[in-house]
């Protein structure tokens, strides 16, 4: 697939399309290809898997996931950004783009997202691999973990302070209801730490 995989090429393609990250949507795009490839490696994605992604953005992570041969379902709430991602690559039929919010409300997952996570491949895993959007990462993650049949594995990028609360030990200062949900539903660990330089625009 032809795709602008360098940070410079991706920014130039977005600017040529008249698109910029939208602050009101909390958009900070992961544009570092080495970080993207590391996430896909950490997830261990294979051609037998079904991968669900939240936040297509310009499609850099989507492209790396599709390159593994896996089936990919990518959700994006921003219609213009989704149109850019669709046009930026020569996507195979096993990649599906869905325009819409994955949350029906603050505490409920949207039905198309639930259905995407429920469809199981014959010989592979269901994976959630995403750079979760700022402000919505916790309800999305907790909603997924509370499903009767959650994905086999989740590899997601979140803000450091959010991760520390989700993985807080019992009795710690950050321990609370989200920590309990995570502990009851899954085992979690920090795989990597990325600095703000891997995003455009650079977050605080």
N, C-alpha and C. Protein backbone atom coordinates (compact mmCIF):
# COMPACT_ATOMS: atom_id res chain seq x y z
N UNK A 1 0.83 -1.18 0.00
CA UNK A 1 0.00 0.00 0.00
C UNK A 1 0.87 1.24 0.00
N UNK A 2 0.50 2.22 -0.77
CA UNK A 2 1.20 3.49 -0.77
C UNK A 2 0.63 4.34 0.35
N UNK A 3 1.51 4.82 1.22
CA UNK A 3 1.04 5.59 2.36
C UNK A 3 2.16 6.49 2.85
N UNK A 4 1.85 7.75 3.24
CA UNK A 4 2.88 8.66 3.74
C UNK A 4 3.29 8.30 5.16
N UNK A 5 4.35 7.49 5.28
CA UNK A 5 4.70 6.93 6.59
C UNK A 5 5.67 7.80 7.39
N UNK A 6 6.31 8.77 6.81
CA UNK A 6 7.18 9.63 7.61
C UNK A 6 6.37 10.78 8.19
N UNK A 7 6.86 11.34 9.28
CA UNK A 7 6.17 12.45 9.93
C UNK A 7 6.03 13.63 8.97
N UNK A 8 7.09 13.91 8.22
CA UNK A 8 7.05 15.04 7.29
C UNK A 8 6.04 14.80 6.18
N UNK A 9 6.08 13.61 5.59
CA UNK A 9 5.17 13.30 4.48
C UNK A 9 3.72 13.31 4.94
N UNK A 10 3.47 12.82 6.14
CA UNK A 10 2.10 12.77 6.65
C UNK A 10 1.58 14.18 6.92
N UNK A 11 2.40 15.01 7.51
CA UNK A 11 1.98 16.39 7.77
C UNK A 11 1.73 17.15 6.47
N UNK A 12 2.62 16.93 5.50
CA UNK A 12 2.44 17.60 4.21
C UNK A 12 1.16 17.16 3.52
N UNK A 13 0.86 15.86 3.61
CA UNK A 13 -0.36 15.34 2.99
C UNK A 13 -1.61 15.91 3.67
N UNK A 14 -1.58 16.01 4.99
CA UNK A 14 -2.70 16.58 5.72
C UNK A 14 -2.89 18.05 5.38
N UNK A 15 -1.78 18.78 5.34
CA UNK A 15 -1.86 20.21 5.03
C UNK A 15 -2.33 20.44 3.59
N UNK A 16 -1.90 19.57 2.68
CA UNK A 16 -2.35 19.68 1.29
C UNK A 16 -3.86 19.44 1.17
N UNK A 17 -4.39 18.62 2.08
CA UNK A 17 -5.83 18.35 2.10
C UNK A 17 -6.60 19.40 2.90
N UNK A 18 -5.88 20.39 3.43
CA UNK A 18 -6.52 21.44 4.21
C UNK A 18 -6.94 21.00 5.60
N UNK A 19 -6.25 20.01 6.14
CA UNK A 19 -6.62 19.46 7.45
C UNK A 19 -5.55 19.75 8.49
N UNK A 20 -5.99 20.07 9.67
CA UNK A 20 -5.14 20.27 10.84
C UNK A 20 -5.78 19.51 12.00
N UNK A 21 -4.97 19.12 12.98
CA UNK A 21 -5.58 18.53 14.19
C UNK A 21 -6.57 19.51 14.81
N UNK A 22 -7.73 18.98 15.19
CA UNK A 22 -8.78 19.82 15.75
C UNK A 22 -8.73 19.79 17.27
N UNK A 23 -8.49 20.96 17.84
CA UNK A 23 -8.33 21.03 19.28
C UNK A 23 -9.61 20.65 20.01
N UNK A 24 -10.78 21.03 19.44
CA UNK A 24 -12.03 20.73 20.14
C UNK A 24 -12.31 19.24 20.20
N UNK A 25 -11.67 18.47 19.32
CA UNK A 25 -11.80 17.01 19.38
C UNK A 25 -10.65 16.37 20.16
N UNK A 26 -9.75 17.18 20.67
CA UNK A 26 -8.62 16.64 21.41
C UNK A 26 -7.67 15.85 20.55
N UNK A 27 -7.53 16.24 19.27
CA UNK A 27 -6.71 15.47 18.33
C UNK A 27 -5.22 15.80 18.47
N UNK A 28 -4.47 14.80 18.85
CA UNK A 28 -3.01 14.83 18.79
C UNK A 28 -2.60 13.56 18.07
N UNK A 29 -2.15 13.69 16.82
CA UNK A 29 -1.92 12.52 16.00
C UNK A 29 -0.56 11.90 16.26
N UNK A 30 -0.55 10.58 16.42
CA UNK A 30 0.70 9.84 16.52
C UNK A 30 1.31 9.78 15.12
N UNK A 31 2.45 10.46 14.93
CA UNK A 31 3.05 10.57 13.61
C UNK A 31 4.45 9.95 13.55
N UNK A 32 4.88 9.31 14.61
CA UNK A 32 6.20 8.69 14.65
C UNK A 32 6.08 7.23 14.25
N UNK A 33 6.62 6.88 13.10
CA UNK A 33 6.45 5.53 12.57
C UNK A 33 7.12 4.48 13.45
N UNK A 34 8.20 4.85 14.12
CA UNK A 34 8.87 3.88 15.00
C UNK A 34 7.98 3.54 16.20
N UNK A 35 7.29 4.54 16.74
CA UNK A 35 6.36 4.30 17.84
C UNK A 35 5.20 3.43 17.37
N UNK A 36 4.68 3.73 16.19
CA UNK A 36 3.57 2.96 15.62
C UNK A 36 3.97 1.50 15.43
N UNK A 37 5.12 1.27 14.82
CA UNK A 37 5.57 -0.10 14.58
C UNK A 37 5.83 -0.84 15.90
N UNK A 38 6.29 -0.12 16.92
CA UNK A 38 6.52 -0.75 18.22
C UNK A 38 5.21 -1.21 18.85
N UNK A 39 4.16 -0.41 18.70
CA UNK A 39 2.86 -0.79 19.24
C UNK A 39 2.35 -2.06 18.57
N UNK A 40 2.51 -2.15 17.26
CA UNK A 40 2.05 -3.34 16.53
C UNK A 40 2.86 -4.56 16.94
N UNK A 41 4.16 -4.39 17.13
CA UNK A 41 5.00 -5.51 17.59
C UNK A 41 4.59 -5.95 18.99
N UNK A 42 4.34 -4.99 19.88
CA UNK A 42 3.95 -5.33 21.25
C UNK A 42 2.64 -6.10 21.27
N UNK A 43 1.74 -5.77 20.35
CA UNK A 43 0.45 -6.47 20.28
C UNK A 43 0.59 -7.86 19.67
N UNK A 44 1.70 -8.13 18.98
CA UNK A 44 1.91 -9.44 18.37
C UNK A 44 0.87 -9.78 17.33
N UNK A 45 0.44 -8.79 16.57
CA UNK A 45 -0.63 -8.99 15.59
C UNK A 45 -0.20 -9.96 14.49
N UNK A 46 -1.07 -10.91 14.16
CA UNK A 46 -0.81 -11.85 13.08
C UNK A 46 -1.93 -11.78 12.05
N UNK A 47 -1.71 -12.42 10.92
CA UNK A 47 -2.70 -12.41 9.85
C UNK A 47 -3.99 -13.13 10.23
N UNK A 48 -3.96 -13.93 11.30
CA UNK A 48 -5.15 -14.66 11.73
C UNK A 48 -6.05 -13.83 12.64
N UNK A 49 -5.57 -12.67 13.08
CA UNK A 49 -6.28 -11.89 14.09
C UNK A 49 -7.29 -10.92 13.49
N UNK A 50 -8.21 -10.50 14.33
CA UNK A 50 -9.13 -9.41 14.03
C UNK A 50 -8.77 -8.28 14.98
N UNK A 51 -8.44 -7.12 14.43
CA UNK A 51 -7.99 -5.99 15.24
C UNK A 51 -9.00 -4.86 15.13
N UNK A 52 -9.41 -4.35 16.28
CA UNK A 52 -10.30 -3.19 16.32
C UNK A 52 -9.48 -2.00 16.81
N UNK A 53 -9.59 -0.89 16.09
CA UNK A 53 -8.86 0.33 16.43
C UNK A 53 -9.86 1.45 16.70
N UNK A 54 -9.57 2.23 17.74
CA UNK A 54 -10.37 3.42 18.05
C UNK A 54 -9.56 4.65 17.69
N UNK A 55 -10.10 5.48 16.81
CA UNK A 55 -9.40 6.70 16.42
C UNK A 55 -8.47 6.48 15.24
N UNK A 56 -9.04 6.37 14.05
CA UNK A 56 -8.23 6.17 12.85
C UNK A 56 -7.24 7.31 12.65
N UNK A 57 -7.70 8.55 12.90
CA UNK A 57 -6.85 9.70 12.62
C UNK A 57 -6.43 9.70 11.16
N UNK A 58 -5.19 10.07 10.88
CA UNK A 58 -4.72 10.05 9.49
C UNK A 58 -4.42 8.65 8.97
N UNK A 59 -4.48 7.62 9.84
CA UNK A 59 -4.36 6.24 9.38
C UNK A 59 -3.00 5.60 9.51
N UNK A 60 -2.08 6.21 10.22
CA UNK A 60 -0.73 5.65 10.30
C UNK A 60 -0.71 4.31 11.05
N UNK A 61 -1.37 4.24 12.20
CA UNK A 61 -1.44 2.98 12.93
C UNK A 61 -2.29 1.97 12.16
N UNK A 62 -3.36 2.42 11.56
CA UNK A 62 -4.21 1.54 10.75
C UNK A 62 -3.39 0.87 9.65
N UNK A 63 -2.55 1.64 8.99
CA UNK A 63 -1.70 1.12 7.92
C UNK A 63 -0.76 0.04 8.44
N UNK A 64 -0.15 0.29 9.59
CA UNK A 64 0.78 -0.69 10.16
C UNK A 64 0.06 -1.96 10.58
N UNK A 65 -1.16 -1.82 11.11
CA UNK A 65 -1.94 -3.00 11.48
C UNK A 65 -2.33 -3.80 10.24
N UNK A 66 -2.75 -3.10 9.18
CA UNK A 66 -3.15 -3.78 7.95
C UNK A 66 -1.98 -4.51 7.31
N UNK A 67 -0.78 -3.98 7.48
CA UNK A 67 0.41 -4.59 6.87
C UNK A 67 0.73 -5.96 7.46
N UNK A 68 0.15 -6.30 8.62
CA UNK A 68 0.37 -7.62 9.21
C UNK A 68 -0.47 -8.70 8.54
N UNK A 69 -1.45 -8.29 7.74
CA UNK A 69 -2.37 -9.24 7.12
C UNK A 69 -3.62 -9.50 7.92
N UNK A 70 -3.73 -8.83 9.08
CA UNK A 70 -4.91 -9.03 9.94
C UNK A 70 -6.14 -8.33 9.36
N UNK A 71 -7.30 -8.76 9.82
CA UNK A 71 -8.53 -8.03 9.55
C UNK A 71 -8.56 -6.83 10.50
N UNK A 72 -8.85 -5.66 9.98
CA UNK A 72 -8.82 -4.44 10.79
C UNK A 72 -10.15 -3.71 10.65
N UNK A 73 -10.72 -3.33 11.80
CA UNK A 73 -11.91 -2.48 11.83
C UNK A 73 -11.53 -1.22 12.60
N UNK A 74 -11.55 -0.08 11.92
CA UNK A 74 -11.07 1.16 12.52
C UNK A 74 -12.20 2.18 12.61
N UNK A 75 -12.39 2.73 13.81
CA UNK A 75 -13.46 3.69 14.09
C UNK A 75 -12.89 5.11 14.18
N UNK A 76 -13.61 6.05 13.58
CA UNK A 76 -13.20 7.45 13.62
C UNK A 76 -14.43 8.34 13.66
N UNK A 77 -14.48 9.28 14.60
CA UNK A 77 -15.63 10.16 14.75
C UNK A 77 -15.59 11.35 13.79
N UNK A 78 -14.40 11.70 13.32
CA UNK A 78 -14.20 12.86 12.45
C UNK A 78 -14.31 12.43 10.98
N UNK A 79 -15.41 12.80 10.34
CA UNK A 79 -15.65 12.35 8.97
C UNK A 79 -14.62 12.83 7.98
N UNK A 80 -14.14 14.07 8.11
CA UNK A 80 -13.13 14.59 7.19
C UNK A 80 -11.80 13.86 7.35
N UNK A 81 -11.43 13.57 8.59
CA UNK A 81 -10.18 12.85 8.82
C UNK A 81 -10.30 11.42 8.31
N UNK A 82 -11.46 10.82 8.47
CA UNK A 82 -11.66 9.46 7.98
C UNK A 82 -11.57 9.43 6.46
N UNK A 83 -12.12 10.44 5.79
CA UNK A 83 -12.03 10.51 4.33
C UNK A 83 -10.58 10.63 3.89
N UNK A 84 -9.78 11.39 4.63
CA UNK A 84 -8.36 11.51 4.32
C UNK A 84 -7.68 10.15 4.43
N UNK A 85 -7.92 9.45 5.53
CA UNK A 85 -7.28 8.15 5.74
C UNK A 85 -7.67 7.16 4.64
N UNK A 86 -8.93 7.14 4.27
CA UNK A 86 -9.39 6.24 3.20
C UNK A 86 -8.64 6.52 1.90
N UNK A 87 -8.46 7.81 1.59
CA UNK A 87 -7.83 8.18 0.32
C UNK A 87 -6.31 8.07 0.35
N UNK A 88 -5.74 8.01 1.55
CA UNK A 88 -4.27 8.04 1.66
C UNK A 88 -3.62 6.70 1.33
N UNK A 89 -4.38 5.62 1.38
CA UNK A 89 -3.79 4.31 1.14
C UNK A 89 -4.61 3.46 0.19
N UNK A 90 -3.99 2.44 -0.34
CA UNK A 90 -4.67 1.47 -1.19
C UNK A 90 -5.06 0.30 -0.29
N UNK A 91 -6.20 0.44 0.39
CA UNK A 91 -6.56 -0.48 1.46
C UNK A 91 -7.15 -1.79 0.92
N UNK A 92 -6.73 -2.93 1.48
CA UNK A 92 -7.33 -4.21 1.08
C UNK A 92 -8.74 -4.35 1.65
N UNK A 93 -9.49 -5.31 1.13
CA UNK A 93 -10.88 -5.52 1.54
C UNK A 93 -11.02 -5.89 3.01
N UNK A 94 -9.96 -6.42 3.61
CA UNK A 94 -10.05 -6.84 5.01
C UNK A 94 -9.92 -5.67 5.99
N UNK A 95 -9.79 -4.45 5.47
CA UNK A 95 -9.78 -3.25 6.32
C UNK A 95 -11.12 -2.54 6.17
N UNK A 96 -11.79 -2.32 7.28
CA UNK A 96 -13.09 -1.65 7.30
C UNK A 96 -12.99 -0.38 8.12
N UNK A 97 -13.49 0.72 7.56
CA UNK A 97 -13.54 1.98 8.28
C UNK A 97 -14.98 2.26 8.69
N UNK A 98 -15.15 2.70 9.94
CA UNK A 98 -16.47 3.01 10.46
C UNK A 98 -16.47 4.43 10.99
N UNK A 99 -17.35 5.26 10.46
CA UNK A 99 -17.46 6.63 10.97
C UNK A 99 -18.44 6.65 12.12
N UNK A 100 -18.00 7.14 13.27
CA UNK A 100 -18.89 7.22 14.41
C UNK A 100 -18.13 7.13 15.72
N UNK A 101 -18.80 7.54 16.77
CA UNK A 101 -18.24 7.49 18.13
C UNK A 101 -18.38 6.07 18.66
N UNK A 102 -17.37 5.58 19.35
CA UNK A 102 -17.46 4.24 19.94
C UNK A 102 -18.21 4.26 21.27
N UNK A 103 -18.51 5.46 21.78
CA UNK A 103 -19.30 5.60 23.00
C UNK A 103 -20.71 6.07 22.64
N UNK A 104 -21.71 5.34 23.12
CA UNK A 104 -23.09 5.77 22.97
C UNK A 104 -23.42 6.83 24.02
N UNK A 105 -22.77 6.73 25.17
CA UNK A 105 -22.86 7.71 26.25
C UNK A 105 -21.59 7.58 27.06
N UNK A 106 -21.48 8.37 28.11
CA UNK A 106 -20.24 8.35 28.90
C UNK A 106 -19.96 6.97 29.48
N UNK A 107 -21.00 6.20 29.72
CA UNK A 107 -20.81 4.90 30.38
C UNK A 107 -21.32 3.72 29.55
N UNK A 108 -21.49 3.92 28.24
CA UNK A 108 -22.00 2.83 27.40
C UNK A 108 -21.31 2.84 26.05
N UNK A 109 -20.92 1.66 25.59
CA UNK A 109 -20.30 1.53 24.27
C UNK A 109 -21.35 1.54 23.19
N UNK A 110 -21.03 2.12 22.05
CA UNK A 110 -21.93 2.13 20.90
C UNK A 110 -22.06 0.72 20.34
N UNK A 111 -23.23 0.40 19.82
CA UNK A 111 -23.50 -0.96 19.35
C UNK A 111 -22.58 -1.40 18.22
N UNK A 112 -22.27 -0.55 17.21
CA UNK A 112 -21.35 -1.01 16.16
C UNK A 112 -19.97 -1.39 16.71
N UNK A 113 -19.53 -0.68 17.73
CA UNK A 113 -18.24 -0.99 18.36
C UNK A 113 -18.32 -2.31 19.11
N UNK A 114 -19.40 -2.52 19.83
CA UNK A 114 -19.60 -3.79 20.55
C UNK A 114 -19.62 -4.96 19.55
N UNK A 115 -20.31 -4.76 18.43
CA UNK A 115 -20.40 -5.82 17.43
C UNK A 115 -19.03 -6.12 16.82
N UNK A 116 -18.23 -5.09 16.59
CA UNK A 116 -16.90 -5.29 16.02
C UNK A 116 -16.01 -6.10 16.95
N UNK A 117 -16.17 -5.89 18.25
CA UNK A 117 -15.38 -6.62 19.24
C UNK A 117 -15.89 -8.05 19.45
N UNK A 118 -17.17 -8.27 19.13
CA UNK A 118 -17.78 -9.58 19.38
C UNK A 118 -17.51 -10.58 18.26
N UNK A 119 -17.23 -10.09 17.06
CA UNK A 119 -17.02 -11.00 15.92
C UNK A 119 -15.65 -11.65 16.03
N UNK A 120 -15.64 -12.97 16.12
CA UNK A 120 -14.39 -13.68 16.36
C UNK A 120 -13.89 -14.34 15.07
N UNK A 121 -12.58 -14.22 14.80
CA UNK A 121 -12.02 -14.91 13.65
C UNK A 121 -11.93 -16.41 13.93
N UNK A 122 -11.90 -17.24 12.89
CA UNK A 122 -11.94 -18.69 13.11
C UNK A 122 -10.73 -19.24 13.85
N UNK A 123 -9.54 -18.67 13.59
CA UNK A 123 -8.33 -19.26 14.18
C UNK A 123 -7.42 -18.23 14.86
N UNK A 124 -7.92 -17.03 15.08
CA UNK A 124 -7.09 -15.99 15.64
C UNK A 124 -7.74 -15.35 16.85
N UNK A 125 -7.16 -14.22 17.25
CA UNK A 125 -7.62 -13.49 18.42
C UNK A 125 -8.38 -12.22 18.02
N UNK A 126 -9.14 -11.70 18.96
CA UNK A 126 -9.71 -10.36 18.83
C UNK A 126 -8.84 -9.43 19.67
N UNK A 127 -8.34 -8.39 19.05
CA UNK A 127 -7.44 -7.46 19.72
C UNK A 127 -7.99 -6.04 19.63
N UNK A 128 -7.79 -5.27 20.69
CA UNK A 128 -8.02 -3.83 20.63
C UNK A 128 -6.64 -3.18 20.66
N UNK A 129 -6.29 -2.52 19.58
CA UNK A 129 -4.98 -1.85 19.47
C UNK A 129 -5.25 -0.42 19.05
N UNK A 130 -4.94 0.53 19.92
CA UNK A 130 -5.35 1.91 19.67
C UNK A 130 -4.50 2.91 20.42
N UNK A 131 -4.45 4.11 19.88
CA UNK A 131 -4.06 5.29 20.63
C UNK A 131 -5.36 5.94 21.05
N UNK A 132 -5.77 5.72 22.28
CA UNK A 132 -7.10 6.13 22.71
C UNK A 132 -7.18 7.65 22.86
N UNK A 133 -8.31 8.23 22.48
CA UNK A 133 -8.44 9.69 22.50
C UNK A 133 -8.40 10.27 23.90
N UNK A 134 -7.80 11.44 24.01
CA UNK A 134 -7.72 12.14 25.29
C UNK A 134 -9.13 12.42 25.81
N UNK A 135 -9.36 12.17 27.07
CA UNK A 135 -10.65 12.46 27.68
C UNK A 135 -11.65 11.33 27.59
N UNK A 136 -11.47 10.44 26.61
CA UNK A 136 -12.41 9.33 26.46
C UNK A 136 -11.74 7.98 26.68
N UNK A 137 -10.45 7.99 26.92
CA UNK A 137 -9.72 6.72 27.04
C UNK A 137 -10.21 5.85 28.16
N UNK A 138 -10.44 6.44 29.34
CA UNK A 138 -10.86 5.64 30.50
C UNK A 138 -12.24 5.02 30.30
N UNK A 139 -13.29 5.78 29.92
CA UNK A 139 -14.59 5.11 29.72
C UNK A 139 -14.57 4.08 28.61
N UNK A 140 -13.79 4.30 27.55
CA UNK A 140 -13.70 3.30 26.49
C UNK A 140 -13.08 2.02 27.03
N UNK A 141 -11.95 2.17 27.70
CA UNK A 141 -11.24 1.00 28.21
C UNK A 141 -12.06 0.24 29.25
N UNK A 142 -12.68 0.95 30.17
CA UNK A 142 -13.48 0.29 31.19
C UNK A 142 -14.71 -0.37 30.58
N UNK A 143 -15.32 0.27 29.59
CA UNK A 143 -16.45 -0.34 28.91
C UNK A 143 -16.08 -1.63 28.22
N UNK A 144 -14.92 -1.65 27.59
CA UNK A 144 -14.46 -2.86 26.90
C UNK A 144 -14.18 -3.98 27.90
N UNK A 145 -13.55 -3.64 29.02
CA UNK A 145 -13.22 -4.65 30.02
C UNK A 145 -14.46 -5.22 30.70
N UNK A 146 -15.56 -4.47 30.70
CA UNK A 146 -16.79 -4.93 31.34
C UNK A 146 -17.67 -5.77 30.41
N UNK A 147 -17.26 -5.94 29.15
CA UNK A 147 -18.01 -6.78 28.23
C UNK A 147 -18.02 -8.23 28.71
N UNK A 148 -19.09 -8.95 28.39
CA UNK A 148 -19.17 -10.36 28.77
C UNK A 148 -18.06 -11.16 28.10
N UNK A 149 -17.71 -10.79 26.87
CA UNK A 149 -16.62 -11.45 26.15
C UNK A 149 -15.68 -10.36 25.62
N UNK A 150 -14.78 -9.86 26.47
CA UNK A 150 -13.87 -8.80 26.03
C UNK A 150 -12.83 -9.33 25.05
N UNK A 151 -12.09 -8.44 24.40
CA UNK A 151 -11.03 -8.90 23.49
C UNK A 151 -10.01 -9.77 24.22
N UNK A 152 -9.30 -10.57 23.45
CA UNK A 152 -8.27 -11.43 24.03
C UNK A 152 -7.12 -10.62 24.59
N UNK A 153 -6.83 -9.49 23.97
CA UNK A 153 -5.72 -8.65 24.43
C UNK A 153 -5.99 -7.21 24.03
N UNK A 154 -5.51 -6.29 24.84
CA UNK A 154 -5.64 -4.87 24.57
C UNK A 154 -4.25 -4.24 24.67
N UNK A 155 -3.84 -3.56 23.63
CA UNK A 155 -2.60 -2.79 23.66
C UNK A 155 -2.97 -1.37 23.26
N UNK A 156 -2.97 -0.48 24.24
CA UNK A 156 -3.46 0.87 24.01
C UNK A 156 -2.47 1.89 24.56
N UNK A 157 -2.48 3.07 23.94
CA UNK A 157 -1.69 4.18 24.43
C UNK A 157 -2.61 5.15 25.16
N UNK A 158 -2.21 5.49 26.39
CA UNK A 158 -2.96 6.42 27.22
C UNK A 158 -1.99 7.39 27.90
N UNK A 159 -2.52 8.46 28.47
CA UNK A 159 -1.68 9.38 29.22
C UNK A 159 -1.12 8.68 30.46
N UNK A 160 0.07 9.09 30.84
CA UNK A 160 0.76 8.44 31.96
C UNK A 160 -0.08 8.46 33.23
N UNK A 161 -0.69 9.63 33.54
CA UNK A 161 -1.43 9.72 34.79
C UNK A 161 -2.66 8.83 34.78
N UNK A 162 -3.26 8.61 33.59
CA UNK A 162 -4.41 7.72 33.48
C UNK A 162 -3.98 6.27 33.72
N UNK A 163 -2.89 5.89 33.12
CA UNK A 163 -2.38 4.52 33.29
C UNK A 163 -2.03 4.25 34.76
N UNK A 164 -1.43 5.23 35.41
CA UNK A 164 -1.06 5.04 36.82
C UNK A 164 -2.28 4.81 37.69
N UNK A 165 -3.40 5.48 37.37
CA UNK A 165 -4.63 5.26 38.13
C UNK A 165 -5.24 3.89 37.82
N UNK A 166 -5.22 3.51 36.54
CA UNK A 166 -5.80 2.23 36.16
C UNK A 166 -5.04 1.05 36.76
N UNK A 167 -3.73 1.19 36.88
CA UNK A 167 -2.90 0.09 37.36
C UNK A 167 -2.43 0.29 38.80
N UNK A 168 -3.06 1.22 39.51
CA UNK A 168 -2.63 1.54 40.87
C UNK A 168 -2.77 0.33 41.80
N UNK A 169 -1.78 0.10 42.66
CA UNK A 169 -1.88 -1.01 43.62
C UNK A 169 -2.90 -0.70 44.71
N UNK A 170 -3.42 -1.75 45.33
CA UNK A 170 -4.39 -1.60 46.40
C UNK A 170 -3.83 -0.73 47.52
N UNK A 171 -4.62 0.27 47.91
CA UNK A 171 -4.20 1.14 49.01
C UNK A 171 -3.34 2.30 48.60
N UNK A 172 -2.94 2.35 47.33
CA UNK A 172 -2.11 3.45 46.85
C UNK A 172 -2.93 4.72 46.70
N UNK A 173 -2.23 5.84 46.52
CA UNK A 173 -2.90 7.14 46.43
C UNK A 173 -3.82 7.22 45.22
N UNK A 174 -3.47 6.51 44.14
CA UNK A 174 -4.27 6.57 42.92
C UNK A 174 -5.31 5.46 42.82
N UNK A 175 -5.37 4.60 43.84
CA UNK A 175 -6.29 3.45 43.79
C UNK A 175 -7.74 3.92 43.90
N UNK A 176 -8.59 3.40 43.01
CA UNK A 176 -10.00 3.78 43.03
C UNK A 176 -10.83 2.82 42.22
N UNK A 177 -12.05 3.22 41.88
CA UNK A 177 -12.97 2.34 41.15
C UNK A 177 -12.38 1.84 39.82
N UNK A 178 -11.75 2.71 38.99
CA UNK A 178 -11.16 2.20 37.74
C UNK A 178 -10.10 1.12 37.99
N UNK A 179 -9.32 1.29 39.06
CA UNK A 179 -8.29 0.30 39.38
C UNK A 179 -8.93 -1.05 39.70
N UNK A 180 -10.06 -1.02 40.40
CA UNK A 180 -10.77 -2.25 40.78
C UNK A 180 -11.28 -2.97 39.53
N UNK A 181 -11.89 -2.20 38.60
CA UNK A 181 -12.43 -2.80 37.37
C UNK A 181 -11.31 -3.48 36.59
N UNK A 182 -10.19 -2.78 36.43
CA UNK A 182 -9.07 -3.36 35.69
C UNK A 182 -8.56 -4.61 36.36
N UNK A 183 -8.42 -4.56 37.67
CA UNK A 183 -7.86 -5.71 38.40
C UNK A 183 -8.77 -6.92 38.32
N UNK A 184 -10.09 -6.70 38.34
CA UNK A 184 -11.03 -7.82 38.27
C UNK A 184 -11.11 -8.44 36.88
N UNK A 185 -10.88 -7.61 35.85
CA UNK A 185 -11.11 -8.08 34.48
C UNK A 185 -9.86 -8.52 33.75
N UNK A 186 -8.70 -8.03 34.15
CA UNK A 186 -7.50 -8.28 33.34
C UNK A 186 -6.24 -8.09 34.17
N UNK A 187 -5.13 -8.48 33.57
CA UNK A 187 -3.83 -8.14 34.10
C UNK A 187 -3.24 -7.05 33.22
N UNK A 188 -2.71 -6.02 33.83
CA UNK A 188 -2.18 -4.91 33.03
C UNK A 188 -0.75 -4.57 33.39
N UNK A 189 -0.02 -4.07 32.40
CA UNK A 189 1.34 -3.61 32.65
C UNK A 189 1.71 -2.56 31.62
N UNK A 190 2.66 -1.73 31.99
CA UNK A 190 3.17 -0.70 31.09
C UNK A 190 4.23 -1.33 30.20
N UNK A 191 4.03 -1.25 28.89
CA UNK A 191 4.97 -1.83 27.94
C UNK A 191 6.03 -0.84 27.51
N UNK A 192 5.63 0.40 27.26
CA UNK A 192 6.56 1.43 26.79
C UNK A 192 6.11 2.79 27.29
N UNK A 193 7.05 3.70 27.30
CA UNK A 193 6.73 5.10 27.59
C UNK A 193 7.21 5.94 26.41
N UNK A 194 6.30 6.76 25.89
CA UNK A 194 6.62 7.64 24.77
C UNK A 194 6.53 9.09 25.22
N UNK A 195 7.42 9.91 24.71
CA UNK A 195 7.40 11.34 25.01
C UNK A 195 6.48 12.08 24.07
N UNK A 196 6.24 13.36 24.34
CA UNK A 196 5.31 14.15 23.52
C UNK A 196 5.79 14.37 22.10
N UNK A 197 7.07 14.13 21.83
CA UNK A 197 7.62 14.39 20.50
C UNK A 197 7.09 13.43 19.43
N UNK A 198 6.42 12.33 19.82
CA UNK A 198 5.91 11.39 18.82
C UNK A 198 4.56 11.83 18.29
N UNK A 199 4.02 12.94 18.82
CA UNK A 199 2.70 13.43 18.41
C UNK A 199 2.80 14.74 17.65
N UNK A 200 1.77 14.99 16.84
CA UNK A 200 1.56 16.29 16.22
C UNK A 200 0.10 16.68 16.42
N UNK A 201 -0.16 17.83 17.02
CA UNK A 201 0.79 18.73 17.67
C UNK A 201 1.32 18.11 18.97
N UNK A 202 2.41 18.62 19.42
CA UNK A 202 3.05 18.11 20.62
C UNK A 202 2.19 18.44 21.85
N UNK A 203 1.70 17.45 22.56
CA UNK A 203 0.87 17.73 23.74
C UNK A 203 1.71 18.22 24.91
N UNK A 204 1.02 18.85 25.85
CA UNK A 204 1.72 19.29 27.04
C UNK A 204 2.10 18.15 27.95
